[in-house]
């Protein structure tokens, strides 16, 4: 069984994390990163053993259903087209203040501390030396973009 560099078994986290960021003016022209962009680094696992995100969500700030794209990259300073890997998208609600959960995270293989339907057995693993990036898919700047939140734990 794989373990981290500090010999912990998978899914045992050292400490929790919860980040919420504004995506105002953080735009990308399309799903595929082909040129310049204003993507925002949401989470960096460059100098850690990685993280697991059990919840990724948006909080709407307008009536526009902004589409938020998520990417993995080994770059920590800029989302480069040659290193960006699209991992999914989430569309914010059309009512300000409403929360939308990303329900397309991969299924997890290890026990999860909640009970209920199978949708709760999903999480996103952010591997070591990887950053999670996000941007609103838009052709022009967005000043009422949703907030993006991620919750989970660091290995």
Protein backbone atom coordinates (compact mmCIF):
# COMPACT_ATOMS: atom_id res chain seq x y z
CA UNK A 1 0.00 0.00 0.00
CA UNK A 2 1.30 3.44 -0.88
CA UNK A 3 2.15 5.96 1.78
CA UNK A 4 3.36 9.54 1.91
CA UNK A 5 6.90 10.64 2.68
CA UNK A 6 6.09 10.76 6.38
CA UNK A 7 4.83 7.15 6.29
CA UNK A 8 1.14 7.92 6.75
CA UNK A 9 -1.35 5.62 5.14
CA UNK A 10 -3.53 7.11 2.36
CA UNK A 11 -6.32 9.47 3.39
CA UNK A 12 -4.88 10.25 6.81
CA UNK A 13 -4.48 14.01 6.82
CA UNK A 14 -2.15 16.08 8.99
CA UNK A 15 -4.41 19.11 9.15
CA UNK A 16 -7.54 20.44 7.54
CA UNK A 17 -7.76 23.08 4.86
CA UNK A 18 -10.52 25.39 3.73
CA UNK A 19 -9.80 28.05 1.12
CA UNK A 20 -12.28 30.50 -0.41
CA UNK A 21 -11.16 32.76 -3.27
CA UNK A 22 -12.77 35.38 -5.48
CA UNK A 23 -12.55 34.73 -9.21
CA UNK A 24 -13.15 38.36 -10.22
CA UNK A 25 -11.20 39.09 -13.43
CA UNK A 26 -9.72 35.56 -13.35
CA UNK A 27 -10.74 34.54 -16.84
CA UNK A 28 -9.82 31.99 -19.45
CA UNK A 29 -11.12 32.09 -23.01
CA UNK A 30 -12.09 28.44 -23.35
CA UNK A 31 -11.74 25.04 -21.71
CA UNK A 32 -8.40 24.29 -23.38
CA UNK A 33 -5.63 26.63 -22.27
CA UNK A 34 -4.20 27.96 -25.53
CA UNK A 35 -2.66 31.30 -24.68
CA UNK A 36 -2.60 33.99 -22.05
CA UNK A 37 -5.02 33.68 -19.18
CA UNK A 38 -5.70 35.08 -15.74
CA UNK A 39 -6.26 31.79 -13.94
CA UNK A 40 -5.86 31.80 -10.17
CA UNK A 41 -3.85 29.27 -8.20
CA UNK A 42 -6.32 27.98 -5.61
CA UNK A 43 -4.12 25.41 -3.92
CA UNK A 44 -0.44 24.51 -4.17
CA UNK A 45 0.88 21.07 -3.20
CA UNK A 46 4.34 21.83 -4.61
CA UNK A 47 6.12 21.63 -1.24
CA UNK A 48 3.72 19.24 0.52
CA UNK A 49 2.76 15.58 0.26
CA UNK A 50 -0.49 16.57 -1.43
CA UNK A 51 -4.06 17.15 -0.33
CA UNK A 52 -7.52 15.67 -0.60
CA UNK A 53 -10.49 17.91 -1.33
CA UNK A 54 -13.80 16.49 -0.20
CA UNK A 55 -15.78 19.58 -1.21
CA UNK A 56 -15.41 22.04 -4.07
CA UNK A 57 -18.15 24.63 -4.38
CA UNK A 58 -19.12 28.04 -5.76
CA UNK A 59 -21.02 30.85 -4.08
CA UNK A 60 -22.82 32.97 -6.66
CA UNK A 61 -22.49 36.75 -6.57
CA UNK A 62 -24.79 37.56 -9.50
CA UNK A 63 -27.64 36.26 -11.67
CA UNK A 64 -25.20 35.14 -14.38
CA UNK A 65 -24.43 31.41 -14.42
CA UNK A 66 -20.64 31.77 -14.63
CA UNK A 67 -18.77 28.60 -15.62
CA UNK A 68 -15.66 27.91 -13.52
CA UNK A 69 -12.98 25.65 -15.03
CA UNK A 70 -10.59 23.65 -12.83
CA UNK A 71 -7.07 22.61 -13.86
CA UNK A 72 -4.08 20.72 -12.52
CA UNK A 73 -0.59 21.96 -13.35
CA UNK A 74 2.96 21.49 -12.13
CA UNK A 75 3.48 25.25 -12.55
CA UNK A 76 3.08 27.35 -9.43
CA UNK A 77 3.45 30.81 -10.98
CA UNK A 78 1.33 30.79 -14.15
CA UNK A 79 -1.09 28.36 -15.83
CA UNK A 80 0.85 27.39 -18.94
CA UNK A 81 -0.87 25.79 -21.94
CA UNK A 82 1.77 23.04 -22.14
CA UNK A 83 1.30 22.01 -18.50
CA UNK A 84 -2.41 22.62 -17.81
CA UNK A 85 -4.71 19.62 -17.47
CA UNK A 86 -8.44 20.34 -17.47
CA UNK A 87 -10.13 18.32 -14.70
CA UNK A 88 -13.68 19.65 -14.75
CA UNK A 89 -16.00 22.60 -14.47
CA UNK A 90 -18.74 23.86 -12.20
CA UNK A 91 -21.45 26.35 -13.12
CA UNK A 92 -22.45 28.85 -10.44
CA UNK A 93 -26.08 29.40 -9.47
CA UNK A 94 -28.19 32.21 -10.96
CA UNK A 95 -29.21 33.57 -7.55
CA UNK A 96 -26.69 35.58 -5.55
CA UNK A 97 -25.66 33.76 -2.38
CA UNK A 98 -26.61 30.29 -3.61
CA UNK A 99 -24.06 27.50 -3.30
CA UNK A 100 -23.39 24.86 -5.98
CA UNK A 101 -21.29 21.78 -5.12
CA UNK A 102 -19.04 20.15 -7.73
CA UNK A 103 -20.49 16.65 -7.99
CA UNK A 104 -18.13 15.33 -10.68
CA UNK A 105 -15.11 14.61 -8.46
CA UNK A 106 -13.62 11.13 -8.89
CA UNK A 107 -14.85 8.27 -6.72
CA UNK A 108 -12.56 7.56 -3.80
CA UNK A 109 -11.24 4.10 -2.95
CA UNK A 110 -10.81 4.32 0.82
CA UNK A 111 -13.37 4.64 3.62
CA UNK A 112 -14.96 8.03 4.02
CA UNK A 113 -16.20 9.35 7.37
CA UNK A 114 -19.77 10.07 6.21
CA UNK A 115 -22.70 7.81 5.54
CA UNK A 116 -25.44 8.27 2.98
CA UNK A 117 -25.71 8.08 -0.77
CA UNK A 118 -22.84 7.24 -3.11
CA UNK A 119 -22.37 10.90 -4.09
CA UNK A 120 -20.63 11.40 -0.73
CA UNK A 121 -17.88 8.93 -1.75
CA UNK A 122 -16.17 11.40 -4.08
CA UNK A 123 -13.13 13.59 -3.54
CA UNK A 124 -10.30 15.18 -5.50
CA UNK A 125 -6.74 14.15 -4.69
CA UNK A 126 -4.19 16.89 -5.38
CA UNK A 127 -0.88 15.02 -5.78
CA UNK A 128 2.48 16.22 -4.56
CA UNK A 129 4.12 18.74 -6.94
CA UNK A 130 0.75 19.78 -8.35
CA UNK A 131 -1.31 22.98 -8.14
CA UNK A 132 -5.06 23.40 -8.49
CA UNK A 133 -5.96 26.36 -10.70
CA UNK A 134 -9.35 27.92 -11.49
CA UNK A 135 -10.72 30.50 -13.92
CA UNK A 136 -14.08 31.72 -15.17
CA UNK A 137 -14.66 30.79 -18.81
CA UNK A 138 -15.35 34.14 -20.45
CA UNK A 139 -14.22 36.30 -23.36
CA UNK A 140 -14.07 39.45 -21.22
CA UNK A 141 -13.33 40.43 -17.62
CA UNK A 142 -15.90 39.43 -15.02
CA UNK A 143 -16.35 41.62 -11.95
CA UNK A 144 -19.19 39.63 -10.38
CA UNK A 145 -17.58 36.19 -10.60
CA UNK A 146 -18.48 33.57 -8.02
CA UNK A 147 -16.43 32.71 -4.99
CA UNK A 148 -14.76 29.29 -5.20
CA UNK A 149 -14.27 27.23 -2.08
CA UNK A 150 -12.29 24.04 -1.47
CA UNK A 151 -12.36 22.02 1.73
CA UNK A 152 -10.37 18.97 2.72
CA UNK A 153 -7.04 18.15 4.29
CA UNK A 154 -3.27 18.23 3.80
CA UNK A 155 -1.20 15.04 3.89
